[in-house]
Amino acid sequence: MFQGKSFLKEVDFTKEQLLYLIDFAIHLKKLKANHIPHQYLTGKNLALIFEKASTRTRAAFTVAGQDLGAHVEFLGPLDIQLGKKESIADTAKVLGKMFDGLEFRGFKQEDVENLAQESGVPVWNGLTDAWHPTQMLADFMTMKEHFGSLKGLTLVYIGDGRNNVAHSLLVTGAILGVNVTIVSPIDLQPQKDIQQLAKKLALQSQVKLSIRCDLDAVEKADIIYTDVWVSMGEESQTSERIKQLLAYQVNKKLTEKITNKDFIFMHCLPSFHDLNTEIMKEIKWEYNLDELEVTDEIFTSEHSVVFQQAENRMHTIKAVMAATLGNLFIPKI
């Protein structure tokens, strides 16, 4: 069912399979907390291929692989010739002969698909411009831990609706039975093909999906989710993004609209919620802003589960690697 299969995007898996991986991750989290070994990948060699800089994804894959007993090798953009002097297909064939599994964090979805097709080993998508599937498992695991169940929950994402996180939340919510609303300016709303895919999936799960501009959409939210306003590679558009999204900041005034006082705040990180980064110091100098997509008051509030969410990247990534490479006995789902 999972053995030998790549994890490239959420829509490749059924609701039951994604829920299994989330529950398996919760189990593995308990094993780690109780110092119980779970080395399902002893003797395996894993390559982590990174075109983009990373904190959580790199750390999560590294620690998860080591906890599972595997040897983990990092291959950054200056370490291999991926797509430069050697085609991705040729590189995939070489790495597939040397490693048992490959992780890829980069730009093009077609590149991770190519790696999976040509390498002959499981490939795991750590992030592309199109999808962020390992983030989704961590996010919905965090929701389940907090609320006990995903059934009937309503998630409201606020900000740039065109990015991989917004797309993945819309589609994954539709698969798993969580109501999802994307709140963003018209110019920054999800791609039409993603909306159509999500609506098709929502018919099966019978959940409500909506794309809106107005902030009143947060009223029925159980989860408020936001992301950075400027994606990697779009730094030249910072001024435009601030103008478009400043009204969509997650702040106290916004959260006071929410009727469920047990709501949680989520963010995939990094976040520009204070002046403790070089980028935010530049933003302060140029635009006189202390915070961007979320205020520090909300980011550090009792509603915030961002660091639980970040930790869960490791547990869900571990579940994916163990399930697809560990020759586990998994009952029929």
Protein backbone atom coordinates (compact mmCIF):
# COMPACT_ATOMS: atom_id res chain seq x y z
CA MET A 1 0.00 0.00 0.00
CA PHE A 2 2.74 2.47 0.99
CA GLN A 3 5.92 0.47 0.47
CA GLY A 4 8.01 1.86 -2.38
CA LYS A 5 5.57 4.70 -3.04
CA SER A 6 6.68 8.34 -3.36
CA PHE A 7 5.07 11.18 -1.43
CA LEU A 8 4.84 13.99 -3.99
CA LYS A 9 1.48 15.69 -3.45
CA GLU A 10 -1.56 15.22 -1.29
CA VAL A 11 -3.95 14.20 -4.05
CA ASP A 12 -1.93 11.03 -4.69
CA PHE A 13 -3.33 9.61 -1.44
CA THR A 14 -6.80 8.79 -0.17
CA LYS A 15 -8.41 10.27 2.92
CA GLU A 16 -7.89 6.96 4.74
CA GLN A 17 -4.19 6.82 3.79
CA LEU A 18 -3.50 10.40 4.91
CA LEU A 19 -5.33 9.78 8.20
CA TYR A 20 -3.29 6.63 8.71
CA LEU A 21 -0.05 8.58 8.28
CA ILE A 22 -1.26 11.23 10.75
CA ASP A 23 -2.20 8.59 13.35
CA PHE A 24 1.08 6.76 12.75
CA ALA A 25 2.94 10.05 13.32
CA ILE A 26 1.08 10.55 16.62
CA HIS A 27 2.18 7.04 17.63
CA LEU A 28 5.80 7.72 16.67
CA LYS A 29 5.71 10.97 18.64
CA LYS A 30 4.73 9.00 21.74
CA LEU A 31 7.52 6.49 21.14
CA LYS A 32 10.08 9.27 20.91
CA ALA A 33 8.74 11.01 24.02
CA ASN A 34 9.14 7.75 25.94
CA HIS A 35 12.61 7.01 24.49
CA ILE A 36 11.40 3.83 22.80
CA PRO A 37 13.56 2.94 19.74
CA HIS A 38 11.78 2.69 16.40
CA GLN A 39 14.55 2.06 13.89
CA TYR A 40 12.50 0.84 10.95
CA LEU A 41 15.12 2.04 8.44
CA THR A 42 18.30 0.55 9.91
CA GLY A 43 20.89 0.13 7.16
CA LYS A 44 19.11 2.48 4.75
CA ASN A 45 20.80 5.47 3.09
CA LEU A 46 18.81 8.64 2.45
CA ALA A 47 19.73 11.69 0.37
CA LEU A 48 18.28 15.11 1.14
CA ILE A 49 18.37 17.31 -1.98
CA PHE A 50 17.89 21.03 -1.33
CA GLU A 51 17.62 23.78 -3.94
CA LYS A 52 16.01 26.11 -1.38
CA ALA A 53 17.26 27.10 2.06
CA SER A 54 15.47 25.44 4.94
CA THR A 55 15.31 25.19 8.71
CA ARG A 56 12.36 22.95 9.63
CA THR A 57 12.38 20.69 6.56
CA ARG A 58 16.10 19.96 6.73
CA ALA A 59 16.12 19.48 10.50
CA ALA A 60 12.95 17.36 10.42
CA PHE A 61 14.18 15.01 7.69
CA THR A 62 17.62 14.70 9.28
CA VAL A 63 16.42 13.87 12.79
CA ALA A 64 13.57 11.68 11.51
CA GLY A 65 15.97 9.64 9.36
CA GLN A 66 18.44 9.24 12.20
CA ASP A 67 15.70 8.22 14.65
CA LEU A 68 14.64 5.58 12.15
CA GLY A 69 18.21 4.23 12.05
CA ALA A 70 19.12 5.47 8.56
CA HIS A 71 22.24 7.28 7.37
CA VAL A 72 21.29 10.75 6.08
CA GLU A 73 23.31 12.71 3.51
CA PHE A 74 22.63 16.38 2.75
CA LEU A 75 23.08 17.49 -0.88
CA GLY A 76 22.80 21.25 -1.27
CA PRO A 77 22.77 23.36 -4.46
CA LEU A 78 26.58 23.62 -4.44
CA ASP A 79 27.11 19.90 -3.82
CA ILE A 80 25.59 18.30 -6.93
CA GLN A 81 24.94 19.22 -10.56
CA LEU A 82 21.16 18.81 -10.45
CA GLY A 83 19.80 20.26 -13.69
CA LYS A 84 22.98 22.31 -14.30
CA LYS A 85 25.74 20.15 -15.78
CA GLU A 86 23.69 16.98 -15.46
CA SER A 87 20.02 16.42 -16.17
CA ILE A 88 17.64 15.65 -13.34
CA ALA A 89 16.84 12.32 -14.98
CA ASP A 90 20.50 11.28 -15.10
CA THR A 91 21.10 12.48 -11.54
CA ALA A 92 18.04 10.55 -10.37
CA LYS A 93 19.31 7.33 -11.93
CA VAL A 94 22.69 7.73 -10.26
CA LEU A 95 21.30 8.60 -6.83
CA GLY A 96 18.74 5.82 -7.07
CA LYS A 97 21.59 3.31 -7.36
CA MET A 98 23.29 4.66 -4.24
CA PHE A 99 20.44 5.69 -1.93
CA ASP A 100 17.30 3.96 -0.73
CA GLY A 101 15.19 7.13 -0.61
CA LEU A 102 15.41 10.75 -1.74
CA GLU A 103 13.97 13.98 -0.36
CA PHE A 104 13.66 17.03 -2.62
CA ARG A 105 13.00 20.64 -1.64
CA GLY A 106 13.06 22.95 -4.62
CA PHE A 107 11.16 25.03 -7.10
CA LYS A 108 9.47 22.95 -9.82
CA GLN A 109 6.97 20.20 -9.10
CA GLU A 110 8.01 18.56 -12.37
CA ASP A 111 11.53 18.15 -10.96
CA VAL A 112 10.43 16.12 -7.94
CA GLU A 113 8.11 14.12 -10.22
CA ASN A 114 11.06 13.45 -12.54
CA LEU A 115 13.22 12.30 -9.63
CA ALA A 116 10.52 9.86 -8.57
CA GLN A 117 10.02 8.53 -12.07
CA GLU A 118 13.70 7.99 -12.86
CA SER A 119 15.32 7.06 -9.53
CA GLY A 120 13.45 3.84 -8.81
CA VAL A 121 13.28 4.65 -5.07
CA PRO A 122 10.74 6.50 -2.93
CA VAL A 123 10.99 10.28 -3.29
CA TRP A 124 9.51 12.67 -0.72
CA ASN A 125 8.50 16.23 -1.56
CA GLY A 126 9.89 18.60 1.08
CA LEU A 127 8.37 21.57 -0.78
CA THR A 128 7.92 22.81 -4.33
CA ASP A 129 6.29 25.95 -5.68
CA ALA A 130 3.13 23.92 -6.29
CA TRP A 131 2.67 21.70 -3.21
CA HIS A 132 3.83 21.28 0.41
CA PRO A 133 2.56 17.82 1.42
CA THR A 134 4.78 17.15 4.45
CA GLN A 135 3.67 20.49 5.90
CA MET A 136 0.05 19.44 5.47
CA LEU A 137 0.47 16.24 7.44
CA ALA A 138 2.04 18.21 10.29
CA ASP A 139 -0.71 20.83 10.16
CA PHE A 140 -3.63 18.40 10.25
CA MET A 141 -1.87 16.30 12.89
CA THR A 142 -1.64 19.44 15.05
CA MET A 143 -5.34 20.14 14.53
CA LYS A 144 -6.24 16.58 15.52
CA GLU A 145 -4.06 16.76 18.63
CA HIS A 146 -5.73 19.98 19.73
CA PHE A 147 -9.37 19.27 18.87
CA GLY A 148 -9.37 15.46 19.12
CA SER A 149 -10.87 15.06 15.65
CA LEU A 150 -10.81 16.77 12.27
CA LYS A 151 -14.49 16.27 11.62
CA GLY A 152 -16.48 19.48 11.36
CA LEU A 153 -13.54 21.84 11.82
CA THR A 154 -13.34 25.12 9.92
CA LEU A 155 -9.97 26.52 8.86
CA VAL A 156 -9.61 30.07 7.60
CA TYR A 157 -6.40 30.95 5.77
CA ILE A 158 -5.64 34.68 5.48
CA GLY A 159 -3.10 36.27 3.14
CA ASP A 160 -1.49 35.24 -0.14
CA GLY A 161 -3.85 32.62 -1.52
CA ARG A 162 -1.72 31.74 -4.55
CA ASN A 163 1.13 30.05 -2.73
CA ASN A 164 1.83 26.36 -2.16
CA VAL A 165 0.59 26.40 1.45
CA ALA A 166 -2.79 27.94 0.57
CA HIS A 167 -3.21 25.53 -2.34
CA SER A 168 -2.28 22.53 -0.21
CA LEU A 169 -4.58 23.57 2.66
CA LEU A 170 -7.52 23.96 0.28
CA VAL A 171 -7.01 20.56 -1.33
CA THR A 172 -6.00 18.65 1.82
CA GLY A 173 -8.94 20.07 3.75
CA ALA A 174 -11.25 18.89 0.98
CA ILE A 175 -9.73 15.39 1.15
CA LEU A 176 -9.79 15.09 4.95
CA GLY A 177 -13.19 16.67 5.57
CA VAL A 178 -12.20 20.06 6.99
CA ASN A 179 -14.05 23.19 5.87
CA VAL A 180 -11.57 25.66 4.35
CA THR A 181 -11.97 29.34 3.54
CA ILE A 182 -9.23 31.29 1.76
CA VAL A 183 -9.38 35.03 2.50
CA SER A 184 -7.22 37.13 0.21
CA PRO A 185 -7.39 40.02 -2.27
CA ILE A 186 -8.84 39.07 -5.66
CA ASP A 187 -5.41 39.27 -7.33
CA LEU A 188 -3.92 36.83 -4.81
CA GLN A 189 -6.57 34.13 -4.74
CA PRO A 190 -5.86 30.44 -5.49
CA GLN A 191 -5.38 29.31 -9.08
CA LYS A 192 -8.62 28.33 -10.81
CA ASP A 193 -7.44 24.78 -11.50
CA ILE A 194 -6.66 24.29 -7.80
CA GLN A 195 -10.08 25.64 -6.86
CA GLN A 196 -11.75 23.25 -9.30
CA LEU A 197 -9.76 20.28 -7.99
CA ALA A 198 -10.61 21.15 -4.41
CA LYS A 199 -14.31 21.58 -5.19
CA LYS A 200 -14.37 18.17 -6.86
CA LEU A 201 -12.82 16.57 -3.78
CA ALA A 202 -15.17 18.51 -1.49
CA LEU A 203 -18.18 16.91 -3.17
CA GLN A 204 -16.92 13.54 -1.93
CA SER A 205 -16.15 14.68 1.61
CA GLN A 206 -19.19 17.00 1.80
CA VAL A 207 -17.28 19.95 3.23
CA LYS A 208 -17.64 23.65 2.52
CA LEU A 209 -14.93 25.51 0.64
CA SER A 210 -14.99 29.21 -0.09
CA ILE A 211 -12.75 31.91 -1.52
CA ARG A 212 -13.44 35.37 -0.10
CA CYS A 213 -12.04 38.87 0.20
CA ASP A 214 -13.81 40.00 3.36
CA LEU A 215 -12.37 39.53 6.83
CA ASP A 216 -15.77 38.70 8.32
CA ALA A 217 -15.08 35.19 7.03
CA VAL A 218 -13.07 34.48 10.20
CA GLU A 219 -16.17 34.56 12.40
CA LYS A 220 -16.78 30.77 12.40
CA ALA A 221 -13.11 29.75 12.36
CA ASP A 222 -11.64 27.03 14.56
CA ILE A 223 -8.23 27.55 13.01
CA ILE A 224 -6.68 30.78 11.74
CA TYR A 225 -3.73 30.18 9.43
CA THR A 226 -1.41 32.62 7.70
CA ASP A 227 1.90 32.61 5.86
CA VAL A 228 4.54 35.11 4.77
CA TRP A 229 3.41 37.71 2.26
CA VAL A 230 6.49 37.46 0.04
CA SER A 231 7.42 33.96 -1.15
CA MET A 232 10.98 32.92 -1.89
CA GLY A 233 12.03 34.40 -5.22
CA GLU A 234 9.47 37.25 -5.04
CA GLU A 235 11.53 39.65 -2.92
CA SER A 236 11.35 42.34 -5.62
CA GLN A 237 7.57 42.47 -5.07
CA THR A 238 7.76 43.28 -1.35
CA SER A 239 6.32 46.80 -1.69
CA GLU A 240 3.39 45.58 -3.79
CA ARG A 241 2.63 42.69 -1.42
CA ILE A 242 2.59 44.96 1.61
CA LYS A 243 0.11 47.28 -0.10
CA GLN A 244 -2.10 44.35 -1.09
CA LEU A 245 -2.00 42.49 2.21
CA LEU A 246 -1.57 44.98 5.04
CA ALA A 247 -5.32 44.92 5.67
CA TYR A 248 -5.10 41.10 5.97
CA GLN A 249 -2.74 41.07 8.94
CA VAL A 250 -3.75 38.63 11.70
CA ASN A 251 -4.08 40.85 14.76
CA LYS A 252 -6.20 41.34 17.88
CA LYS A 253 -8.89 43.28 16.02
CA LEU A 254 -9.26 40.44 13.53
CA THR A 255 -9.33 37.62 16.09
CA GLU A 256 -11.97 39.43 18.15
CA LYS A 257 -14.37 38.63 15.30
CA ILE A 258 -14.01 34.88 16.01
CA THR A 259 -16.86 33.36 18.03
CA ASN A 260 -14.95 30.19 19.01
CA LYS A 261 -12.69 31.40 21.82
CA ASP A 262 -10.79 28.09 21.68
CA PHE A 263 -9.51 28.84 18.17
CA ILE A 264 -5.88 28.10 17.35
CA PHE A 265 -3.43 30.16 15.33
CA MET A 266 -1.14 28.37 12.86
CA HIS A 267 1.80 29.43 10.70
CA CYS A 268 4.21 27.23 8.73
CA LEU A 269 7.14 29.55 9.63
CA PRO A 270 9.34 31.50 9.36
CA SER A 271 7.20 34.42 10.49
CA PHE A 272 7.76 38.17 10.45
CA HIS A 273 6.08 38.96 13.76
CA ASP A 274 8.80 41.12 15.36
CA LEU A 275 11.99 43.05 14.62
CA ASN A 276 14.41 40.25 15.55
CA THR A 277 15.45 39.44 11.98
CA GLU A 278 17.55 41.31 9.44
CA ILE A 279 14.67 41.31 6.95
CA MET A 280 12.25 42.90 9.42
CA LYS A 281 14.80 45.54 10.36
CA GLU A 282 14.96 46.44 6.66
CA ILE A 283 11.14 46.46 6.48
CA LYS A 284 11.04 48.75 9.50
CA TRP A 285 13.55 51.12 7.87
CA GLU A 286 11.76 51.22 4.52
CA TYR A 287 8.06 50.87 5.43
CA ASN A 288 7.98 51.70 9.16
CA LEU A 289 6.29 48.39 10.04
CA ASP A 290 7.11 46.34 13.15
CA GLU A 291 5.13 43.24 12.08
CA LEU A 292 3.81 41.83 8.82
CA GLU A 293 1.43 38.90 8.38
CA VAL A 294 0.78 38.45 12.12
CA THR A 295 1.33 40.60 15.18
CA ASP A 296 3.63 39.42 17.93
CA GLU A 297 0.68 39.58 20.33
CA ILE A 298 -1.14 36.83 18.41
CA PHE A 299 1.99 34.86 17.48
CA THR A 300 2.96 34.49 21.15
CA SER A 301 -0.58 34.14 22.53
CA GLU A 302 -2.16 31.10 24.15
CA HIS A 303 -3.95 30.46 20.86
CA SER A 304 -0.69 29.94 18.97
CA VAL A 305 0.40 26.34 18.24
CA VAL A 306 3.13 27.26 15.77
CA PHE A 307 5.95 25.46 17.58
CA GLN A 308 3.89 22.32 18.17
CA GLN A 309 3.12 22.50 14.46
CA ALA A 310 6.85 22.86 13.67
CA GLU A 311 7.81 19.88 15.84
CA ASN A 312 5.16 17.77 14.13
CA ARG A 313 7.00 18.20 10.83
CA MET A 314 9.53 15.70 12.17
CA HIS A 315 6.98 13.14 13.36
CA THR A 316 4.92 13.19 10.17
CA ILE A 317 8.00 13.06 7.94
CA LYS A 318 9.17 10.09 9.99
CA ALA A 319 5.82 8.39 9.42
CA VAL A 320 6.04 8.93 5.67
CA MET A 321 9.59 7.58 5.41
CA ALA A 322 8.88 4.57 7.62
CA ALA A 323 5.66 3.72 5.80
CA THR A 324 7.15 3.99 2.30
CA LEU A 325 10.55 2.42 2.99
CA GLY A 326 10.32 0.39 6.20
CA ASN A 327 8.56 -2.77 5.00
CA LEU A 328 5.96 -2.29 7.71
CA PHE A 329 2.95 -4.49 8.19
CA ILE A 330 0.07 -2.11 7.55
CA PRO A 331 -3.49 -3.50 7.63
CA LYS A 332 -5.67 -2.71 4.66
CA ILE A 333 -7.06 0.80 4.86
